[in-house]
């Protein structure tokens, strides 16, 4: 809703970039805290996190540019992340690649690190969606509201009981009632984080939290895609490619849990 946080001497500080940076910092400190709890070398975890962050940003931005070529008018637009625009699944794949590189270099245990990453990533992702709200990217489909086009958040008796209207200058279509998909995902991610925290305290085996994250986020994203207005359904299928990825996450999650649980029983036998 507020793309520019502050402007000093002609220099614009974009809200999106500030919130993404805050999310990354919180993820950083959470990762170090959980690393100490797991008995891991915090310096190695720190370096691995930086690799994952770099690859994640590159992957997320490249995927967004490929998905939204209409927003790219010059070479600078490819790199203009401060204006908003990151594809989560592209960022997730890039982040996983960076994390794998770090884990191989520093010989970090795969599933302990994965559990830490799931918790930290969920918080960073949630705050990032607030950034999307400010920039207007990742916006929703038109909301069935009559005659209200004043920028802001408006409450209603129709699900999800509020909608958003963006001003001129946002990525989203201006002065159009839209489903608040950014904030819907923010609240969903906060709920997922709370569930993961409870699971982490009593996790039965390493990798359980990561597996649970895959299932919960897959379900959330699959549902939200029906309301998002930025990714059109694939012809002949009626689902977006994000929903196909979400289905894959949902299917893989219990299989991974079963595999890790069986592996733990074999090791302890």
C-alpha atoms as a PDB file:
ATOM      1  CA  UNK A   1       0.000   0.000   0.000  1.00  0.00           C
ATOM      2  CA  UNK A   2       3.008   2.276   0.576  1.00  0.00           C
ATOM      3  CA  UNK A   3       5.605   1.411  -2.111  1.00  0.00           C
ATOM      4  CA  UNK A   4       7.994   4.149  -0.959  1.00  0.00           C
ATOM      5  CA  UNK A   5       8.765   4.134   2.743  1.00  0.00           C
ATOM      6  CA  UNK A   6      10.682   7.410   2.773  1.00  0.00           C
ATOM      7  CA  UNK A   7      12.388   9.756   0.324  1.00  0.00           C
ATOM      8  CA  UNK A   8      15.473  11.729   1.329  1.00  0.00           C
ATOM      9  CA  UNK A   9      17.233  14.158  -0.994  1.00  0.00           C
ATOM     10  CA  UNK A  10      15.613  12.531  -4.005  1.00  0.00           C
ATOM     11  CA  UNK A  11      16.607   9.011  -2.935  1.00  0.00           C
ATOM     12  CA  UNK A  12      13.677   6.638  -2.490  1.00  0.00           C
ATOM     13  CA  UNK A  13      13.769   3.922   0.166  1.00  0.00           C
ATOM     14  CA  UNK A  14      11.300   1.256  -0.920  1.00  0.00           C
ATOM     15  CA  UNK A  15       9.163  -0.478   1.709  1.00  0.00           C
ATOM     16  CA  UNK A  16       9.452  -3.804  -0.092  1.00  0.00           C
ATOM     17  CA  UNK A  17      13.243  -3.869   0.154  1.00  0.00           C
ATOM     18  CA  UNK A  18      13.228  -2.797   3.799  1.00  0.00           C
ATOM     19  CA  UNK A  19      10.764  -5.524   4.809  1.00  0.00           C
ATOM     20  CA  UNK A  20      12.593  -8.212   2.834  1.00  0.00           C
ATOM     21  CA  UNK A  21      15.819  -7.158   4.570  1.00  0.00           C
ATOM     22  CA  UNK A  22      14.111  -7.322   7.975  1.00  0.00           C
ATOM     23  CA  UNK A  23      12.799 -10.798   7.169  1.00  0.00           C
ATOM     24  CA  UNK A  24      16.283 -11.941   6.138  1.00  0.00           C
ATOM     25  CA  UNK A  25      17.811 -10.582   9.362  1.00  0.00           C
ATOM     26  CA  UNK A  26      15.218 -12.304  11.526  1.00  0.00           C
ATOM     27  CA  UNK A  27      15.816 -15.564   9.636  1.00  0.00           C
ATOM     28  CA  UNK A  28      19.555 -15.106  10.171  1.00  0.00           C
ATOM     29  CA  UNK A  29      19.297 -14.717  13.946  1.00  0.00           C
ATOM     30  CA  UNK A  30      16.733 -17.516  14.245  1.00  0.00           C
ATOM     31  CA  UNK A  31      19.010 -19.843  12.289  1.00  0.00           C
ATOM     32  CA  UNK A  32      21.950 -19.149  14.585  1.00  0.00           C
ATOM     33  CA  UNK A  33      19.774 -19.659  17.665  1.00  0.00           C
ATOM     34  CA  UNK A  34      18.472 -23.013  16.438  1.00  0.00           C
ATOM     35  CA  UNK A  35      21.957 -24.013  15.278  1.00  0.00           C
ATOM     36  CA  UNK A  36      23.272 -23.587  18.834  1.00  0.00           C
ATOM     37  CA  UNK A  37      20.354 -25.636  20.120  1.00  0.00           C
ATOM     38  CA  UNK A  38      21.182 -28.407  17.647  1.00  0.00           C
ATOM     39  CA  UNK A  39      24.886 -28.291  18.559  1.00  0.00           C
ATOM     40  CA  UNK A  40      25.995 -27.160  15.104  1.00  0.00           C
ATOM     41  CA  UNK A  41      28.923 -24.907  14.256  1.00  0.00           C
ATOM     42  CA  UNK A  42      27.288 -21.479  14.046  1.00  0.00           C
ATOM     43  CA  UNK A  43      29.973 -20.086  11.727  1.00  0.00           C
ATOM     44  CA  UNK A  44      29.322 -22.880   9.243  1.00  0.00           C
ATOM     45  CA  UNK A  45      25.577 -22.364   9.495  1.00  0.00           C
ATOM     46  CA  UNK A  46      26.049 -18.617   9.030  1.00  0.00           C
ATOM     47  CA  UNK A  47      28.064 -19.068   5.833  1.00  0.00           C
ATOM     48  CA  UNK A  48      25.590 -21.624   4.515  1.00  0.00           C
ATOM     49  CA  UNK A  49      22.725 -19.242   5.213  1.00  0.00           C
ATOM     50  CA  UNK A  50      24.442 -16.474   3.255  1.00  0.00           C
ATOM     51  CA  UNK A  51      24.879 -18.815   0.291  1.00  0.00           C
ATOM     52  CA  UNK A  52      21.236 -19.856   0.475  1.00  0.00           C
ATOM     53  CA  UNK A  53      20.143 -16.228   0.703  1.00  0.00           C
ATOM     54  CA  UNK A  54      22.190 -15.174  -2.326  1.00  0.00           C
ATOM     55  CA  UNK A  55      21.052 -18.069  -4.506  1.00  0.00           C
ATOM     56  CA  UNK A  56      17.488 -17.616  -3.251  1.00  0.00           C
ATOM     57  CA  UNK A  57      17.354 -13.949  -4.228  1.00  0.00           C
ATOM     58  CA  UNK A  58      18.817 -14.667  -7.658  1.00  0.00           C
ATOM     59  CA  UNK A  59      16.485 -17.609  -8.252  1.00  0.00           C
ATOM     60  CA  UNK A  60      13.423 -15.760  -6.999  1.00  0.00           C
ATOM     61  CA  UNK A  61      14.076 -12.708  -9.141  1.00  0.00           C
ATOM     62  CA  UNK A  62      14.915 -14.659 -12.296  1.00  0.00           C
ATOM     63  CA  UNK A  63      11.788 -16.782 -11.954  1.00  0.00           C
ATOM     64  CA  UNK A  64       9.671 -13.641 -11.454  1.00  0.00           C
ATOM     65  CA  UNK A  65      11.147 -11.981 -14.539  1.00  0.00           C
ATOM     66  CA  UNK A  66      10.460 -15.089 -16.630  1.00  0.00           C
ATOM     67  CA  UNK A  67       6.918 -15.280 -15.278  1.00  0.00           C
ATOM     68  CA  UNK A  68       6.199 -11.561 -15.779  1.00  0.00           C
ATOM     69  CA  UNK A  69       8.056 -10.392 -18.914  1.00  0.00           C
ATOM     70  CA  UNK A  70       5.514  -7.591 -19.364  1.00  0.00           C
ATOM     71  CA  UNK A  71       7.099  -5.785 -16.403  1.00  0.00           C
ATOM     72  CA  UNK A  72      10.570  -5.812 -17.933  1.00  0.00           C
ATOM     73  CA  UNK A  73      11.207  -2.833 -20.193  1.00  0.00           C
ATOM     74  CA  UNK A  74      14.970  -2.520 -19.816  1.00  0.00           C
ATOM     75  CA  UNK A  75      17.969  -4.389 -18.437  1.00  0.00           C
ATOM     76  CA  UNK A  76      17.685  -2.410 -15.204  1.00  0.00           C
ATOM     77  CA  UNK A  77      14.177  -3.788 -14.653  1.00  0.00           C
ATOM     78  CA  UNK A  78      15.656  -7.288 -14.416  1.00  0.00           C
ATOM     79  CA  UNK A  79      17.603  -6.260 -11.331  1.00  0.00           C
ATOM     80  CA  UNK A  80      15.072  -3.790  -9.858  1.00  0.00           C
ATOM     81  CA  UNK A  81      14.122  -5.992  -6.929  1.00  0.00           C
ATOM     82  CA  UNK A  82      13.524  -2.889  -4.811  1.00  0.00           C
ATOM     83  CA  UNK A  83      10.340  -2.240  -6.795  1.00  0.00           C
ATOM     84  CA  UNK A  84       8.920  -5.578  -5.692  1.00  0.00           C
ATOM     85  CA  UNK A  85       8.729  -8.880  -7.504  1.00  0.00           C
ATOM     86  CA  UNK A  86      10.085 -12.217  -6.267  1.00  0.00           C
ATOM     87  CA  UNK A  87       8.797 -15.658  -7.171  1.00  0.00           C
ATOM     88  CA  UNK A  88       8.755 -17.794  -4.044  1.00  0.00           C
ATOM     89  CA  UNK A  89       9.251 -21.175  -5.658  1.00  0.00           C
ATOM     90  CA  UNK A  90      12.124 -19.821  -7.753  1.00  0.00           C
ATOM     91  CA  UNK A  91      13.623 -18.418  -4.563  1.00  0.00           C
ATOM     92  CA  UNK A  92      13.028 -21.709  -2.747  1.00  0.00           C
ATOM     93  CA  UNK A  93      14.817 -23.728  -5.423  1.00  0.00           C
ATOM     94  CA  UNK A  94      17.681 -21.246  -5.502  1.00  0.00           C
ATOM     95  CA  UNK A  95      17.890 -21.235  -1.718  1.00  0.00           C
ATOM     96  CA  UNK A  96      17.926 -25.028  -1.564  1.00  0.00           C
ATOM     97  CA  UNK A  97      20.742 -25.091  -4.120  1.00  0.00           C
ATOM     98  CA  UNK A  98      22.752 -22.576  -2.095  1.00  0.00           C
ATOM     99  CA  UNK A  99      22.071 -24.469   1.126  1.00  0.00           C
ATOM    100  CA  UNK A 100      23.203 -27.767  -0.430  1.00  0.00           C
ATOM    101  CA  UNK A 101      26.444 -26.150  -1.559  1.00  0.00           C
ATOM    102  CA  UNK A 102      27.033 -24.858   1.974  1.00  0.00           C
ATOM    103  CA  UNK A 103      26.150 -28.168   3.621  1.00  0.00           C
ATOM    104  CA  UNK A 104      28.530 -30.053   1.345  1.00  0.00           C
ATOM    105  CA  UNK A 105      31.372 -27.588   1.952  1.00  0.00           C
ATOM    106  CA  UNK A 106      30.923 -27.514   5.736  1.00  0.00           C
ATOM    107  CA  UNK A 107      29.587 -31.071   6.134  1.00  0.00           C
ATOM    108  CA  UNK A 108      26.477 -29.996   7.970  1.00  0.00           C
ATOM    109  CA  UNK A 109      23.862 -32.668   8.784  1.00  0.00           C
ATOM    110  CA  UNK A 110      21.207 -32.490   6.096  1.00  0.00           C
ATOM    111  CA  UNK A 111      17.977 -32.882   8.049  1.00  0.00           C
ATOM    112  CA  UNK A 112      18.964 -30.948  11.165  1.00  0.00           C
ATOM    113  CA  UNK A 113      19.826 -28.065   8.850  1.00  0.00           C
ATOM    114  CA  UNK A 114      16.581 -28.596   6.942  1.00  0.00           C
ATOM    115  CA  UNK A 115      14.507 -28.272  10.113  1.00  0.00           C
ATOM    116  CA  UNK A 116      16.276 -25.025  10.988  1.00  0.00           C
ATOM    117  CA  UNK A 117      15.791 -23.718   7.464  1.00  0.00           C
ATOM    118  CA  UNK A 118      12.053 -24.468   7.488  1.00  0.00           C
ATOM    119  CA  UNK A 119      11.479 -22.450  10.660  1.00  0.00           C
ATOM    120  CA  UNK A 120      13.614 -19.504   9.576  1.00  0.00           C
ATOM    121  CA  UNK A 121      12.283 -19.480   6.026  1.00  0.00           C
ATOM    122  CA  UNK A 122       8.665 -19.368   7.181  1.00  0.00           C
ATOM    123  CA  UNK A 123       9.235 -16.209   9.217  1.00  0.00           C
ATOM    124  CA  UNK A 124      11.231 -14.499   6.459  1.00  0.00           C
ATOM    125  CA  UNK A 125       8.572 -15.449   3.911  1.00  0.00           C
ATOM    126  CA  UNK A 126       5.777 -14.044   6.075  1.00  0.00           C
ATOM    127  CA  UNK A 127       7.497 -10.673   6.466  1.00  0.00           C
ATOM    128  CA  UNK A 128       8.302 -10.714   2.764  1.00  0.00           C
ATOM    129  CA  UNK A 129       4.572 -10.951   2.036  1.00  0.00           C
ATOM    130  CA  UNK A 130       4.115  -7.707   3.949  1.00  0.00           C
ATOM    131  CA  UNK A 131       6.633  -6.292   1.515  1.00  0.00           C
ATOM    132  CA  UNK A 132       4.511  -7.607  -1.348  1.00  0.00           C
ATOM    133  CA  UNK A 133       1.526  -5.845   0.209  1.00  0.00           C
ATOM    134  CA  UNK A 134       3.415  -2.561   0.173  1.00  0.00           C
ATOM    135  CA  UNK A 135       4.580  -2.918  -3.429  1.00  0.00           C
ATOM    136  CA  UNK A 136       1.368  -4.441  -4.770  1.00  0.00           C
ATOM    137  CA  UNK A 137       3.068  -7.463  -6.352  1.00  0.00           C
ATOM    138  CA  UNK A 138       1.625 -10.987  -6.021  1.00  0.00           C
ATOM    139  CA  UNK A 139      -1.806  -9.366  -6.053  1.00  0.00           C
ATOM    140  CA  UNK A 140      -5.146 -11.143  -6.072  1.00  0.00           C
ATOM    141  CA  UNK A 141      -7.962 -11.485  -8.548  1.00  0.00           C
ATOM    142  CA  UNK A 142     -10.707  -8.839  -8.699  1.00  0.00           C
ATOM    143  CA  UNK A 143     -12.895  -8.933  -5.605  1.00  0.00           C
ATOM    144  CA  UNK A 144     -16.696  -8.713  -6.038  1.00  0.00           C
ATOM    145  CA  UNK A 145     -17.209  -5.304  -4.435  1.00  0.00           C
ATOM    146  CA  UNK A 146     -19.505  -2.571  -5.707  1.00  0.00           C
ATOM    147  CA  UNK A 147     -18.396   0.999  -6.236  1.00  0.00           C
ATOM    148  CA  UNK A 148     -15.496   1.129  -3.741  1.00  0.00           C
ATOM    149  CA  UNK A 149     -12.194   2.196  -5.300  1.00  0.00           C
ATOM    150  CA  UNK A 150     -10.558   4.171  -2.487  1.00  0.00           C
ATOM    151  CA  UNK A 151      -7.008   2.852  -1.828  1.00  0.00           C
ATOM    152  CA  UNK A 152      -6.773   0.917   1.423  1.00  0.00           C
ATOM    153  CA  UNK A 153      -8.046  -2.174   3.210  1.00  0.00           C
ATOM    154  CA  UNK A 154     -11.835  -2.551   3.194  1.00  0.00           C
ATOM    155  CA  UNK A 155     -13.850  -4.978   5.311  1.00  0.00           C
ATOM    156  CA  UNK A 156     -16.818  -6.962   4.026  1.00  0.00           C
ATOM    157  CA  UNK A 157     -19.073  -9.899   4.887  1.00  0.00           C
ATOM    158  CA  UNK A 158     -17.699 -11.957   1.977  1.00  0.00           C
ATOM    159  CA  UNK A 159     -14.726 -14.328   2.351  1.00  0.00           C
ATOM    160  CA  UNK A 160     -11.972 -13.534   3.278  1.00  0.00           C
ATOM    161  CA  UNK A 161     -13.902 -10.666   4.900  1.00  0.00           C
ATOM    162  CA  UNK A 162     -11.648  -7.909   3.620  1.00  0.00           C
ATOM    163  CA  UNK A 163     -10.177  -6.789   0.313  1.00  0.00           C
ATOM    164  CA  UNK A 164      -7.585  -4.305  -0.911  1.00  0.00           C
ATOM    165  CA  UNK A 165      -7.497  -1.395  -3.328  1.00  0.00           C
ATOM    166  CA  UNK A 166      -4.067  -0.217  -4.441  1.00  0.00           C
ATOM    167  CA  UNK A 167      -3.159   3.347  -5.435  1.00  0.00           C
ATOM    168  CA  UNK A 168      -1.480   4.499  -8.625  1.00  0.00           C
ATOM    169  CA  UNK A 169       2.190   3.481  -8.732  1.00  0.00           C
ATOM    170  CA  UNK A 170       1.781   0.003  -7.227  1.00  0.00           C
ATOM    171  CA  UNK A 171       2.424  -3.145  -9.256  1.00  0.00           C
ATOM    172  CA  UNK A 172      -1.211  -4.198  -8.797  1.00  0.00           C
ATOM    173  CA  UNK A 173      -3.970  -2.680 -10.954  1.00  0.00           C
ATOM    174  CA  UNK A 174      -4.822   0.658  -9.294  1.00  0.00           C
ATOM    175  CA  UNK A 175      -8.258   1.557  -7.886  1.00  0.00           C
ATOM    176  CA  UNK A 176      -9.507  -2.014  -8.326  1.00  0.00           C
ATOM    177  CA  UNK A 177     -10.904  -4.149  -5.463  1.00  0.00           C
ATOM    178  CA  UNK A 178      -8.660  -7.214  -5.211  1.00  0.00           C
ATOM    179  CA  UNK A 179      -8.455 -10.320  -3.059  1.00  0.00           C
ATOM    180  CA  UNK A 180      -5.822  -9.634  -0.346  1.00  0.00           C
ATOM    181  CA  UNK A 181      -3.687 -12.635  -1.257  1.00  0.00           C
ATOM    182  CA  UNK A 182      -0.518 -11.114   0.196  1.00  0.00           C
ATOM    183  CA  UNK A 183      -2.039 -10.676   3.649  1.00  0.00           C
ATOM    184  CA  UNK A 184      -3.881 -13.999   3.415  1.00  0.00           C
ATOM    185  CA  UNK A 185      -0.529 -15.682   2.885  1.00  0.00           C
ATOM    186  CA  UNK A 186       1.057 -13.641   5.685  1.00  0.00           C
ATOM    187  CA  UNK A 187      -1.502 -14.884   8.232  1.00  0.00           C
ATOM    188  CA  UNK A 188      -1.241 -18.427   6.871  1.00  0.00           C
ATOM    189  CA  UNK A 189       2.540 -18.414   7.210  1.00  0.00           C
ATOM    190  CA  UNK A 190       2.374 -17.119  10.784  1.00  0.00           C
ATOM    191  CA  UNK A 191       0.040 -20.009  11.624  1.00  0.00           C
ATOM    192  CA  UNK A 192       2.399 -22.467   9.915  1.00  0.00           C
ATOM    193  CA  UNK A 193       5.330 -21.082  11.915  1.00  0.00           C
ATOM    194  CA  UNK A 194       3.480 -21.598  15.204  1.00  0.00           C
ATOM    195  CA  UNK A 195       2.644 -25.183  14.231  1.00  0.00           C
ATOM    196  CA  UNK A 196       6.244 -25.847  13.201  1.00  0.00           C
ATOM    197  CA  UNK A 197       7.530 -24.447  16.487  1.00  0.00           C
ATOM    198  CA  UNK A 198       5.318 -26.849  18.426  1.00  0.00           C
ATOM    199  CA  UNK A 199       6.477 -29.704  16.211  1.00  0.00           C
ATOM    200  CA  UNK A 200      10.130 -28.715  16.615  1.00  0.00           C
ATOM    201  CA  UNK A 201       9.990 -28.936  20.408  1.00  0.00           C
ATOM    202  CA  UNK A 202       8.923 -32.577  20.219  1.00  0.00           C
ATOM    203  CA  UNK A 203      10.117 -33.666  16.790  1.00  0.00           C
ATOM    204  CA  UNK A 204      10.401 -37.482  16.610  1.00  0.00           C
ATOM    205  CA  UNK A 205      13.312 -37.393  14.146  1.00  0.00           C
ATOM    206  CA  UNK A 206      15.442 -34.935  12.196  1.00  0.00           C
ATOM    207  CA  UNK A 207      13.717 -33.787   9.036  1.00  0.00           C
ATOM    208  CA  UNK A 208      10.230 -33.994  10.539  1.00  0.00           C
ATOM    209  CA  UNK A 209       9.822 -30.203  10.721  1.00  0.00           C
ATOM    210  CA  UNK A 210      11.043 -29.757   7.144  1.00  0.00           C
ATOM    211  CA  UNK A 211       8.643 -32.449   5.908  1.00  0.00           C
ATOM    212  CA  UNK A 212       5.745 -30.908   7.803  1.00  0.00           C
ATOM    213  CA  UNK A 213       6.597 -27.493   6.354  1.00  0.00           C
ATOM    214  CA  UNK A 214       6.385 -28.907   2.824  1.00  0.00           C
ATOM    215  CA  UNK A 215       2.915 -30.272   3.474  1.00  0.00           C
ATOM    216  CA  UNK A 216       1.529 -27.191   5.239  1.00  0.00           C
ATOM    217  CA  UNK A 217       2.889 -24.648   2.799  1.00  0.00           C
ATOM    218  CA  UNK A 218       1.892 -26.794  -0.150  1.00  0.00           C
ATOM    219  CA  UNK A 219      -1.702 -26.828   1.127  1.00  0.00           C
ATOM    220  CA  UNK A 220      -1.677 -23.070   1.800  1.00  0.00           C
ATOM    221  CA  UNK A 221      -0.254 -22.156  -1.586  1.00  0.00           C
ATOM    222  CA  UNK A 222      -2.534 -24.548  -3.484  1.00  0.00           C
ATOM    223  CA  UNK A 223      -5.546 -22.870  -1.865  1.00  0.00           C
ATOM    224  CA  UNK A 224      -4.287 -19.306  -2.373  1.00  0.00           C
ATOM    225  CA  UNK A 225      -3.603 -19.822  -6.072  1.00  0.00           C
ATOM    226  CA  UNK A 226      -7.364 -19.862  -6.693  1.00  0.00           C
ATOM    227  CA  UNK A 227      -7.449 -16.233  -5.545  1.00  0.00           C
ATOM    228  CA  UNK A 228      -4.149 -14.929  -6.926  1.00  0.00           C
ATOM    229  CA  UNK A 229      -4.339 -12.848 -10.083  1.00  0.00           C
ATOM    230  CA  UNK A 230      -0.746 -12.975 -11.307  1.00  0.00           C
ATOM    231  CA  UNK A 231      -0.349 -16.585 -12.487  1.00  0.00           C
ATOM    232  CA  UNK A 232      -2.844 -17.774 -15.116  1.00  0.00           C
ATOM    233  CA  UNK A 233      -3.994 -21.421 -15.095  1.00  0.00           C
ATOM    234  CA  UNK A 234      -2.339 -23.827 -17.509  1.00  0.00           C
ATOM    235  CA  UNK A 235      -4.537 -24.459 -20.535  1.00  0.00           C
ATOM    236  CA  UNK A 236      -6.355 -27.779 -20.380  1.00  0.00           C
ATOM    237  CA  UNK A 237      -5.515 -28.354 -16.714  1.00  0.00           C
ATOM    238  CA  UNK A 238      -7.179 -25.455 -14.924  1.00  0.00           C
ATOM    239  CA  UNK A 239      -4.382 -25.289 -12.361  1.00  0.00           C
ATOM    240  CA  UNK A 240      -1.397 -22.962 -12.207  1.00  0.00           C
ATOM    241  CA  UNK A 241       2.157 -24.258 -12.297  1.00  0.00           C
ATOM    242  CA  UNK A 242       2.464 -23.104  -8.676  1.00  0.00           C
ATOM    243  CA  UNK A 243      -0.373 -25.455  -7.792  1.00  0.00           C
ATOM    244  CA  UNK A 244       1.389 -28.322  -9.532  1.00  0.00           C
ATOM    245  CA  UNK A 245       4.498 -27.638  -7.456  1.00  0.00           C
ATOM    246  CA  UNK A 246       2.295 -27.443  -4.352  1.00  0.00           C
ATOM    247  CA  UNK A 247       0.768 -30.832  -5.135  1.00  0.00           C
ATOM    248  CA  UNK A 248       4.277 -32.239  -5.467  1.00  0.00           C
ATOM    249  CA  UNK A 249       5.191 -30.853  -2.037  1.00  0.00           C
ATOM    250  CA  UNK A 250       2.043 -32.320  -0.474  1.00  0.00           C
ATOM    251  CA  UNK A 251       2.670 -35.766  -1.983  1.00  0.00           C
ATOM    252  CA  UNK A 252       6.404 -35.874  -1.178  1.00  0.00           C
ATOM    253  CA  UNK A 253       5.941 -34.756   2.449  1.00  0.00           C
ATOM    254  CA  UNK A 254       4.428 -37.969   3.952  1.00  0.00           C
ATOM    255  CA  UNK A 255       6.742 -40.125   1.823  1.00  0.00           C
ATOM    256  CA  UNK A 256       9.744 -38.237   3.185  1.00  0.00           C
ATOM    257  CA  UNK A 257       8.429 -38.550   6.746  1.00  0.00           C
ATOM    258  CA  UNK A 258       7.999 -42.300   6.332  1.00  0.00           C
ATOM    259  CA  UNK A 259      11.459 -42.673   4.837  1.00  0.00           C
ATOM    260  CA  UNK A 260      13.157 -40.677   7.608  1.00  0.00           C
ATOM    261  CA  UNK A 261      11.199 -42.464  10.334  1.00  0.00           C
ATOM    262  CA  UNK A 262      12.153 -45.871   8.875  1.00  0.00           C
ATOM    263  CA  UNK A 263      15.769 -44.782   8.556  1.00  0.00           C
ATOM    264  CA  UNK A 264      15.850 -43.735  12.224  1.00  0.00           C
ATOM    265  CA  UNK A 265      14.443 -47.104  13.325  1.00  0.00           C
ATOM    266  CA  UNK A 266      17.081 -48.940  11.285  1.00  0.00           C
ATOM    267  CA  UNK A 267      19.884 -46.828  12.769  1.00  0.00           C
ATOM    268  CA  UNK A 268      18.662 -47.361  16.340  1.00  0.00           C
ATOM    269  CA  UNK A 269      18.142 -51.097  15.889  1.00  0.00           C
END
